[in-house]
All heavy atoms as atom14 arrays in JSON, in Angstrom:
{
  "sequence": "GKLHADYLIGRREAKHGHIHPSDFGDLLHRYGMELITDHV",
  "atom14_mask": [
    [1, 1, 1, 1, 0, 0, 0, 0, 0, 0, 0, 0, 0, 0],
    [1, 1, 1, 1, 1, 1, 1, 1, 1, 0, 0, 0, 0, 0],
    [1, 1, 1, 1, 1, 1, 1, 1, 0, 0, 0, 0, 0, 0],
    [1, 1, 1, 1, 1, 1, 1, 1, 1, 1, 0, 0, 0, 0],
    [1, 1, 1, 1, 1, 0, 0, 0, 0, 0, 0, 0, 0, 0],
    [1, 1, 1, 1, 1, 1, 1, 1, 0, 0, 0, 0, 0, 0],
    [1, 1, 1, 1, 1, 1, 1, 1, 1, 1, 1, 1, 0, 0],
    [1, 1, 1, 1, 1, 1, 1, 1, 0, 0, 0, 0, 0, 0],
    [1, 1, 1, 1, 1, 1, 1, 1, 0, 0, 0, 0, 0, 0],
    [1, 1, 1, 1, 0, 0, 0, 0, 0, 0, 0, 0, 0, 0],
    [1, 1, 1, 1, 1, 1, 1, 1, 1, 1, 1, 0, 0, 0],
    [1, 1, 1, 1, 1, 1, 1, 1, 1, 1, 1, 0, 0, 0],
    [1, 1, 1, 1, 1, 1, 1, 1, 1, 0, 0, 0, 0, 0],
    [1, 1, 1, 1, 1, 0, 0, 0, 0, 0, 0, 0, 0, 0],
    [1, 1, 1, 1, 1, 1, 1, 1, 1, 0, 0, 0, 0, 0],
    [1, 1, 1, 1, 1, 1, 1, 1, 1, 1, 0, 0, 0, 0],
    [1, 1, 1, 1, 0, 0, 0, 0, 0, 0, 0, 0, 0, 0],
    [1, 1, 1, 1, 1, 1, 1, 1, 1, 1, 0, 0, 0, 0],
    [1, 1, 1, 1, 1, 1, 1, 1, 0, 0, 0, 0, 0, 0],
    [1, 1, 1, 1, 1, 1, 1, 1, 1, 1, 0, 0, 0, 0],
    [1, 1, 1, 1, 1, 1, 1, 0, 0, 0, 0, 0, 0, 0],
    [1, 1, 1, 1, 1, 1, 0, 0, 0, 0, 0, 0, 0, 0],
    [1, 1, 1, 1, 1, 1, 1, 1, 0, 0, 0, 0, 0, 0],
    [1, 1, 1, 1, 1, 1, 1, 1, 1, 1, 1, 0, 0, 0],
    [1, 1, 1, 1, 0, 0, 0, 0, 0, 0, 0, 0, 0, 0],
    [1, 1, 1, 1, 1, 1, 1, 1, 0, 0, 0, 0, 0, 0],
    [1, 1, 1, 1, 1, 1, 1, 1, 0, 0, 0, 0, 0, 0],
    [1, 1, 1, 1, 1, 1, 1, 1, 0, 0, 0, 0, 0, 0],
    [1, 1, 1, 1, 1, 1, 1, 1, 1, 1, 0, 0, 0, 0],
    [1, 1, 1, 1, 1, 1, 1, 1, 1, 1, 1, 0, 0, 0],
    [1, 1, 1, 1, 1, 1, 1, 1, 1, 1, 1, 1, 0, 0],
    [1, 1, 1, 1, 0, 0, 0, 0, 0, 0, 0, 0, 0, 0],
    [1, 1, 1, 1, 1, 1, 1, 1, 0, 0, 0, 0, 0, 0],
    [1, 1, 1, 1, 1, 1, 1, 1, 1, 0, 0, 0, 0, 0],
    [1, 1, 1, 1, 1, 1, 1, 1, 0, 0, 0, 0, 0, 0],
    [1, 1, 1, 1, 1, 1, 1, 1, 0, 0, 0, 0, 0, 0],
    [1, 1, 1, 1, 1, 1, 1, 0, 0, 0, 0, 0, 0, 0],
    [1, 1, 1, 1, 1, 1, 1, 1, 0, 0, 0, 0, 0, 0],
    [1, 1, 1, 1, 1, 1, 1, 1, 1, 1, 0, 0, 0, 0],
    [1, 1, 1, 1, 1, 1, 1, 0, 0, 0, 0, 0, 0, 0]
  ],
  "atom14_positions": [
    [[35.35, -14.21, 24.76], [34.16, -13.44, 25.09], [34.16, -12.14, 24.3], [35.19, -11.45, 24.22], [0.0, 0.0, 0.0], [0.0, 0.0, 0.0], [0.0, 0.0, 0.0], [0.0, 0.0, 0.0], [0.0, 0.0, 0.0], [0.0, 0.0, 0.0], [0.0, 0.0, 0.0], [0.0, 0.0, 0.0], [0.0, 0.0, 0.0], [0.0, 0.0, 0.0]],
    [[33.01, -11.8, 23.7], [32.9, -10.61, 22.87], [32.0, -9.59, 23.56], [30.89, -9.9, 23.97], [32.34, -10.96, 21.49], [33.32, -11.74, 20.62], [32.8, -11.87, 19.2], [33.81, -12.57, 18.31], [33.33, -12.67, 16.92], [0.0, 0.0, 0.0], [0.0, 0.0, 0.0], [0.0, 0.0, 0.0], [0.0, 0.0, 0.0], [0.0, 0.0, 0.0]],
    [[32.51, -8.37, 23.65], [31.8, -7.28, 24.32], [31.74, -6.09, 23.37], [32.71, -5.76, 22.69], [32.52, -6.88, 25.61], [31.88, -5.78, 26.44], [30.55, -6.24, 27.0], [32.81, -5.34, 27.56], [0.0, 0.0, 0.0], [0.0, 0.0, 0.0], [0.0, 0.0, 0.0], [0.0, 0.0, 0.0], [0.0, 0.0, 0.0], [0.0, 0.0, 0.0]],
    [[30.57, -5.45, 23.34], [30.38, -4.26, 22.5], [31.32, -3.16, 22.98], [31.52, -2.94, 24.17], [28.94, -3.8, 22.61], [28.51, -2.9, 21.49], [29.01, -1.62, 21.34], [27.65, -3.09, 20.46], [28.45, -1.06, 20.29], [27.61, -1.92, 19.73], [0.0, 0.0, 0.0], [0.0, 0.0, 0.0], [0.0, 0.0, 0.0], [0.0, 0.0, 0.0]],
    [[31.93, -2.47, 22.01], [32.91, -1.43, 22.35], [32.28, -0.32, 23.18], [32.93, 0.22, 24.09], [33.51, -0.85, 21.07], [0.0, 0.0, 0.0], [0.0, 0.0, 0.0], [0.0, 0.0, 0.0], [0.0, 0.0, 0.0], [0.0, 0.0, 0.0], [0.0, 0.0, 0.0], [0.0, 0.0, 0.0], [0.0, 0.0, 0.0], [0.0, 0.0, 0.0]],
    [[31.02, 0.01, 22.92], [30.38, 1.09, 23.69], [30.17, 0.69, 25.14], [30.17, 1.55, 26.03], [29.04, 1.45, 23.04], [29.24, 2.19, 21.72], [30.35, 2.69, 21.5], [28.29, 2.26, 20.92], [0.0, 0.0, 0.0], [0.0, 0.0, 0.0], [0.0, 0.0, 0.0], [0.0, 0.0, 0.0], [0.0, 0.0, 0.0], [0.0, 0.0, 0.0]],
    [[29.96, -0.6, 25.43], [29.86, -1.04, 26.83], [31.19, -0.82, 27.55], [31.22, -0.41, 28.71], [29.48, -2.53, 26.88], [28.04, -2.81, 26.55], [27.68, -3.97, 25.86], [27.03, -1.95, 26.91], [26.36, -4.24, 25.55], [25.71, -2.19, 26.6], [25.38, -3.35, 25.92], [24.08, -3.61, 25.62], [0.0, 0.0, 0.0], [0.0, 0.0, 0.0]],
    [[32.28, -1.11, 26.87], [33.58, -1.05, 27.51], [34.0, 0.39, 27.81], [34.55, 0.67, 28.88], [34.63, -1.74, 26.64], [36.02, -1.91, 27.25], [35.95, -2.75, 28.5], [36.98, -2.53, 26.24], [0.0, 0.0, 0.0], [0.0, 0.0, 0.0], [0.0, 0.0, 0.0], [0.0, 0.0, 0.0], [0.0, 0.0, 0.0], [0.0, 0.0, 0.0]],
    [[33.74, 1.3, 26.87], [34.19, 2.68, 27.05], [33.13, 3.53, 27.72], [33.33, 4.74, 27.89], [34.6, 3.3, 25.7], [33.4, 3.36, 24.74], [35.74, 2.54, 25.09], [33.75, 3.91, 23.36], [0.0, 0.0, 0.0], [0.0, 0.0, 0.0], [0.0, 0.0, 0.0], [0.0, 0.0, 0.0], [0.0, 0.0, 0.0], [0.0, 0.0, 0.0]],
    [[31.99, 2.94, 28.09], [30.99, 3.65, 28.88], [29.98, 4.44, 28.1], [29.24, 5.24, 28.69], [0.0, 0.0, 0.0], [0.0, 0.0, 0.0], [0.0, 0.0, 0.0], [0.0, 0.0, 0.0], [0.0, 0.0, 0.0], [0.0, 0.0, 0.0], [0.0, 0.0, 0.0], [0.0, 0.0, 0.0], [0.0, 0.0, 0.0], [0.0, 0.0, 0.0]],
    [[29.88, 4.25, 26.79], [28.88, 4.98, 26.02], [27.5, 4.34, 26.11], [26.5, 4.97, 25.78], [29.31, 5.05, 24.54], [30.59, 5.84, 24.32], [30.92, 5.95, 22.85], [32.17, 6.68, 22.63], [32.69, 6.92, 21.44], [32.07, 6.48, 20.35], [33.83, 7.58, 21.32], [0.0, 0.0, 0.0], [0.0, 0.0, 0.0], [0.0, 0.0, 0.0]],
    [[27.45, 3.07, 26.52], [26.18, 2.38, 26.72], [26.22, 1.71, 28.09], [27.26, 1.26, 28.54], [25.94, 1.33, 25.62], [25.79, 1.93, 24.24], [25.69, 0.87, 23.17], [24.52, 0.02, 23.34], [24.19, -0.96, 22.49], [24.96, -1.21, 21.45], [23.11, -1.69, 22.71], [0.0, 0.0, 0.0], [0.0, 0.0, 0.0], [0.0, 0.0, 0.0]],
    [[25.06, 1.65, 28.73], [24.96, 1.11, 30.07], [24.83, -0.4, 29.99], [24.08, -0.95, 29.18], [23.76, 1.7, 30.8], [23.73, 1.38, 32.28], [24.84, 2.09, 33.05], [25.33, 3.13, 32.56], [25.23, 1.6, 34.13], [0.0, 0.0, 0.0], [0.0, 0.0, 0.0], [0.0, 0.0, 0.0], [0.0, 0.0, 0.0], [0.0, 0.0, 0.0]],
    [[25.58, -1.11, 30.84], [25.56, -2.57, 30.89], [25.37, -3.02, 32.32], [25.63, -2.28, 33.27], [26.85, -3.16, 30.31], [0.0, 0.0, 0.0], [0.0, 0.0, 0.0], [0.0, 0.0, 0.0], [0.0, 0.0, 0.0], [0.0, 0.0, 0.0], [0.0, 0.0, 0.0], [0.0, 0.0, 0.0], [0.0, 0.0, 0.0], [0.0, 0.0, 0.0]],
    [[24.91, -4.26, 32.49], [24.76, -4.85, 33.82], [26.11, -5.38, 34.26], [26.48, -6.51, 33.96], [23.73, -5.98, 33.78], [22.34, -5.55, 33.35], [21.39, -6.75, 33.31], [20.0, -6.33, 32.83], [19.09, -7.5, 32.75], [0.0, 0.0, 0.0], [0.0, 0.0, 0.0], [0.0, 0.0, 0.0], [0.0, 0.0, 0.0], [0.0, 0.0, 0.0]],
    [[26.87, -4.53, 34.94], [28.21, -4.94, 35.33], [28.35, -5.18, 36.82], [29.37, -5.72, 37.27], [29.24, -3.9, 34.88], [28.94, -2.51, 35.33], [29.2, -2.09, 36.61], [28.39, -1.46, 34.68], [28.83, -0.82, 36.72], [28.33, -0.41, 35.58], [0.0, 0.0, 0.0], [0.0, 0.0, 0.0], [0.0, 0.0, 0.0], [0.0, 0.0, 0.0]],
    [[27.35, -4.79, 37.63], [27.43, -5.06, 39.06], [28.64, -4.38, 39.68], [28.89, -3.19, 39.5], [0.0, 0.0, 0.0], [0.0, 0.0, 0.0], [0.0, 0.0, 0.0], [0.0, 0.0, 0.0], [0.0, 0.0, 0.0], [0.0, 0.0, 0.0], [0.0, 0.0, 0.0], [0.0, 0.0, 0.0], [0.0, 0.0, 0.0], [0.0, 0.0, 0.0]],
    [[29.43, -5.18, 40.42], [30.62, -4.64, 41.06], [31.81, -4.61, 40.12], [32.89, -4.16, 40.51], [30.96, -5.48, 42.29], [31.33, -6.9, 41.95], [30.38, -7.86, 41.68], [32.53, -7.5, 41.78], [30.99, -9.0, 41.39], [32.28, -8.8, 41.44], [0.0, 0.0, 0.0], [0.0, 0.0, 0.0], [0.0, 0.0, 0.0], [0.0, 0.0, 0.0]],
    [[31.67, -5.12, 38.9], [32.79, -5.2, 37.95], [32.75, -3.97, 37.06], [31.76, -3.74, 36.36], [32.7, -6.48, 37.11], [32.66, -7.71, 38.0], [33.86, -6.57, 36.14], [32.37, -8.99, 37.26], [0.0, 0.0, 0.0], [0.0, 0.0, 0.0], [0.0, 0.0, 0.0], [0.0, 0.0, 0.0], [0.0, 0.0, 0.0], [0.0, 0.0, 0.0]],
    [[33.8, -3.18, 37.08], [33.87, -2.04, 36.18], [34.17, -2.56, 34.77], [34.97, -3.48, 34.59], [34.97, -1.07, 36.63], [34.89, 0.25, 35.95], [35.47, 0.49, 34.73], [34.28, 1.41, 36.31], [35.24, 1.74, 34.37], [34.5, 2.32, 35.32], [0.0, 0.0, 0.0], [0.0, 0.0, 0.0], [0.0, 0.0, 0.0], [0.0, 0.0, 0.0]],
    [[33.52, -1.99, 33.74], [33.76, -2.5, 32.39], [35.22, -2.51, 31.99], [35.66, -3.38, 31.23], [32.93, -1.54, 31.52], [31.84, -1.06, 32.42], [32.46, -0.98, 33.79], [0.0, 0.0, 0.0], [0.0, 0.0, 0.0], [0.0, 0.0, 0.0], [0.0, 0.0, 0.0], [0.0, 0.0, 0.0], [0.0, 0.0, 0.0], [0.0, 0.0, 0.0]],
    [[36.01, -1.55, 32.47], [37.43, -1.52, 32.11], [38.2, -2.7, 32.7], [39.28, -3.04, 32.2], [38.07, -0.21, 32.56], [37.96, -0.07, 33.98], [0.0, 0.0, 0.0], [0.0, 0.0, 0.0], [0.0, 0.0, 0.0], [0.0, 0.0, 0.0], [0.0, 0.0, 0.0], [0.0, 0.0, 0.0], [0.0, 0.0, 0.0], [0.0, 0.0, 0.0]],
    [[37.67, -3.32, 33.76], [38.32, -4.48, 34.38], [37.76, -5.81, 33.86], [38.18, -6.86, 34.34], [38.14, -4.44, 35.9], [38.77, -3.2, 36.51], [39.77, -2.73, 35.94], [38.25, -2.69, 37.52], [0.0, 0.0, 0.0], [0.0, 0.0, 0.0], [0.0, 0.0, 0.0], [0.0, 0.0, 0.0], [0.0, 0.0, 0.0], [0.0, 0.0, 0.0]],
    [[36.84, -5.75, 32.91], [36.21, -6.98, 32.43], [37.22, -7.87, 31.7], [37.17, -9.09, 31.8], [35.03, -6.64, 31.52], [34.23, -7.83, 31.09], [33.58, -8.63, 32.01], [34.15, -8.17, 29.74], [32.85, -9.73, 31.61], [33.43, -9.26, 29.34], [32.77, -10.04, 30.27], [0.0, 0.0, 0.0], [0.0, 0.0, 0.0], [0.0, 0.0, 0.0]],
    [[38.14, -7.26, 30.95], [39.16, -8.05, 30.26], [40.06, -8.79, 31.23], [40.41, -9.95, 31.01], [0.0, 0.0, 0.0], [0.0, 0.0, 0.0], [0.0, 0.0, 0.0], [0.0, 0.0, 0.0], [0.0, 0.0, 0.0], [0.0, 0.0, 0.0], [0.0, 0.0, 0.0], [0.0, 0.0, 0.0], [0.0, 0.0, 0.0], [0.0, 0.0, 0.0]],
    [[40.45, -8.12, 32.33], [41.26, -8.79, 33.34], [40.49, -9.92, 34.01], [41.06, -10.96, 34.34], [41.71, -7.79, 34.4], [42.65, -6.73, 33.82], [43.3, -7.04, 32.8], [42.71, -5.62, 34.36], [0.0, 0.0, 0.0], [0.0, 0.0, 0.0], [0.0, 0.0, 0.0], [0.0, 0.0, 0.0], [0.0, 0.0, 0.0], [0.0, 0.0, 0.0]],
    [[39.18, -9.75, 34.2], [38.36, -10.81, 34.78], [38.34, -12.04, 33.88], [38.53, -13.17, 34.35], [36.94, -10.3, 35.01], [35.93, -11.33, 35.54], [36.28, -11.74, 36.96], [34.52, -10.78, 35.48], [0.0, 0.0, 0.0], [0.0, 0.0, 0.0], [0.0, 0.0, 0.0], [0.0, 0.0, 0.0], [0.0, 0.0, 0.0], [0.0, 0.0, 0.0]],
    [[38.13, -11.85, 32.59], [38.14, -12.98, 31.67], [39.52, -13.62, 31.6], [39.65, -14.86, 31.55], [37.7, -12.53, 30.27], [36.25, -12.05, 30.12], [35.97, -11.72, 28.66], [35.28, -13.08, 30.63], [0.0, 0.0, 0.0], [0.0, 0.0, 0.0], [0.0, 0.0, 0.0], [0.0, 0.0, 0.0], [0.0, 0.0, 0.0], [0.0, 0.0, 0.0]],
    [[40.57, -12.79, 31.61], [41.93, -13.33, 31.55], [42.24, -14.17, 32.8], [42.97, -15.16, 32.71], [42.92, -12.18, 31.42], [44.34, -12.63, 31.28], [44.83, -13.27, 30.15], [45.4, -12.56, 32.14], [46.11, -13.55, 30.32], [46.48, -13.13, 31.52], [0.0, 0.0, 0.0], [0.0, 0.0, 0.0], [0.0, 0.0, 0.0], [0.0, 0.0, 0.0]],
    [[41.67, -13.79, 33.93], [41.88, -14.56, 35.15], [41.3, -15.97, 35.01], [41.81, -16.92, 35.6], [41.22, -13.83, 36.31], [41.54, -14.41, 37.69], [40.72, -13.69, 38.75], [40.82, -12.25, 38.62], [40.0, -11.41, 39.24], [39.02, -11.87, 39.99], [40.16, -10.1, 39.08], [0.0, 0.0, 0.0], [0.0, 0.0, 0.0], [0.0, 0.0, 0.0]],
    [[40.23, -16.11, 34.23], [39.61, -17.41, 34.02], [40.12, -18.13, 32.78], [39.59, -19.17, 32.4], [38.09, -17.25, 33.91], [37.45, -16.67, 35.14], [36.38, -15.78, 35.04], [37.92, -16.98, 36.41], [35.79, -15.24, 36.17], [37.35, -16.43, 37.54], [36.28, -15.56, 37.41], [35.72, -15.02, 38.52], [0.0, 0.0, 0.0], [0.0, 0.0, 0.0]],
    [[41.14, -17.57, 32.12], [41.7, -18.21, 30.93], [40.96, -17.88, 29.66], [41.09, -18.61, 28.67], [0.0, 0.0, 0.0], [0.0, 0.0, 0.0], [0.0, 0.0, 0.0], [0.0, 0.0, 0.0], [0.0, 0.0, 0.0], [0.0, 0.0, 0.0], [0.0, 0.0, 0.0], [0.0, 0.0, 0.0], [0.0, 0.0, 0.0], [0.0, 0.0, 0.0]],
    [[40.2, -16.78, 29.63], [39.47, -16.37, 28.44], [40.07, -15.09, 27.87], [40.73, -14.34, 28.57], [37.97, -16.18, 28.76], [37.28, -17.41, 29.3], [35.56, -17.1, 29.78], [34.82, -16.64, 28.22], [0.0, 0.0, 0.0], [0.0, 0.0, 0.0], [0.0, 0.0, 0.0], [0.0, 0.0, 0.0], [0.0, 0.0, 0.0], [0.0, 0.0, 0.0]],
    [[39.83, -14.86, 26.57], [40.31, -13.66, 25.9], [39.12, -12.76, 25.57], [38.07, -13.23, 25.14], [41.07, -14.02, 24.61], [42.39, -14.71, 24.84], [43.17, -14.86, 23.54], [43.35, -13.84, 22.85], [43.57, -15.98, 23.21], [0.0, 0.0, 0.0], [0.0, 0.0, 0.0], [0.0, 0.0, 0.0], [0.0, 0.0, 0.0], [0.0, 0.0, 0.0]],
    [[39.31, -11.46, 25.75], [38.27, -10.48, 25.44], [38.48, -9.96, 24.02], [39.58, -9.56, 23.64], [38.32, -9.32, 26.43], [37.38, -8.15, 26.13], [35.93, -8.6, 26.19], [37.63, -7.0, 27.08], [0.0, 0.0, 0.0], [0.0, 0.0, 0.0], [0.0, 0.0, 0.0], [0.0, 0.0, 0.0], [0.0, 0.0, 0.0], [0.0, 0.0, 0.0]],
    [[37.39, -9.97, 23.24], [37.37, -9.41, 21.89], [36.33, -8.3, 21.89], [35.16, -8.54, 22.19], [37.05, -10.47, 20.83], [38.09, -11.6, 20.86], [36.99, -9.84, 19.44], [37.78, -12.74, 19.92], [0.0, 0.0, 0.0], [0.0, 0.0, 0.0], [0.0, 0.0, 0.0], [0.0, 0.0, 0.0], [0.0, 0.0, 0.0], [0.0, 0.0, 0.0]],
    [[36.74, -7.09, 21.57], [35.83, -5.95, 21.51], [35.32, -5.8, 20.08], [36.11, -5.61, 19.16], [36.54, -4.67, 21.95], [37.13, -4.87, 23.24], [35.57, -3.52, 22.03], [0.0, 0.0, 0.0], [0.0, 0.0, 0.0], [0.0, 0.0, 0.0], [0.0, 0.0, 0.0], [0.0, 0.0, 0.0], [0.0, 0.0, 0.0], [0.0, 0.0, 0.0]],
    [[34.0, -5.92, 19.91], [33.44, -5.83, 18.57], [32.65, -4.53, 18.4], [32.58, -3.71, 19.32], [32.55, -7.04, 18.27], [31.44, -7.22, 19.29], [31.34, -6.36, 20.18], [30.69, -8.21, 19.19], [0.0, 0.0, 0.0], [0.0, 0.0, 0.0], [0.0, 0.0, 0.0], [0.0, 0.0, 0.0], [0.0, 0.0, 0.0], [0.0, 0.0, 0.0]],
    [[32.1, -4.34, 17.2], [31.37, -3.13, 16.83], [32.24, -1.88, 16.98], [31.79, -0.84, 17.45], [30.09, -2.97, 17.66], [29.07, -4.03, 17.4], [29.09, -5.26, 18.04], [27.99, -4.07, 16.56], [28.08, -5.99, 17.63], [27.4, -5.31, 16.73], [0.0, 0.0, 0.0], [0.0, 0.0, 0.0], [0.0, 0.0, 0.0], [0.0, 0.0, 0.0]],
    [[33.49, -1.99, 16.56], [34.39, -0.83, 16.54], [34.22, -0.14, 15.19], [34.51, -0.73, 14.15], [35.86, -1.26, 16.75], [36.76, -0.04, 16.73], [36.0, -2.01, 18.06], [0.0, 0.0, 0.0], [0.0, 0.0, 0.0], [0.0, 0.0, 0.0], [0.0, 0.0, 0.0], [0.0, 0.0, 0.0], [0.0, 0.0, 0.0], [0.0, 0.0, 0.0]]
  ]
}
């Protein structure tokens, strides 16, 4: 799963609901997926 770097560090607003962007990598890892941060 690829996520924009600004979404992860909070520079851009994303629809994250109850999931904090900093915990999104752990959420994907729980399901067997790897997080790739792009647009760095």
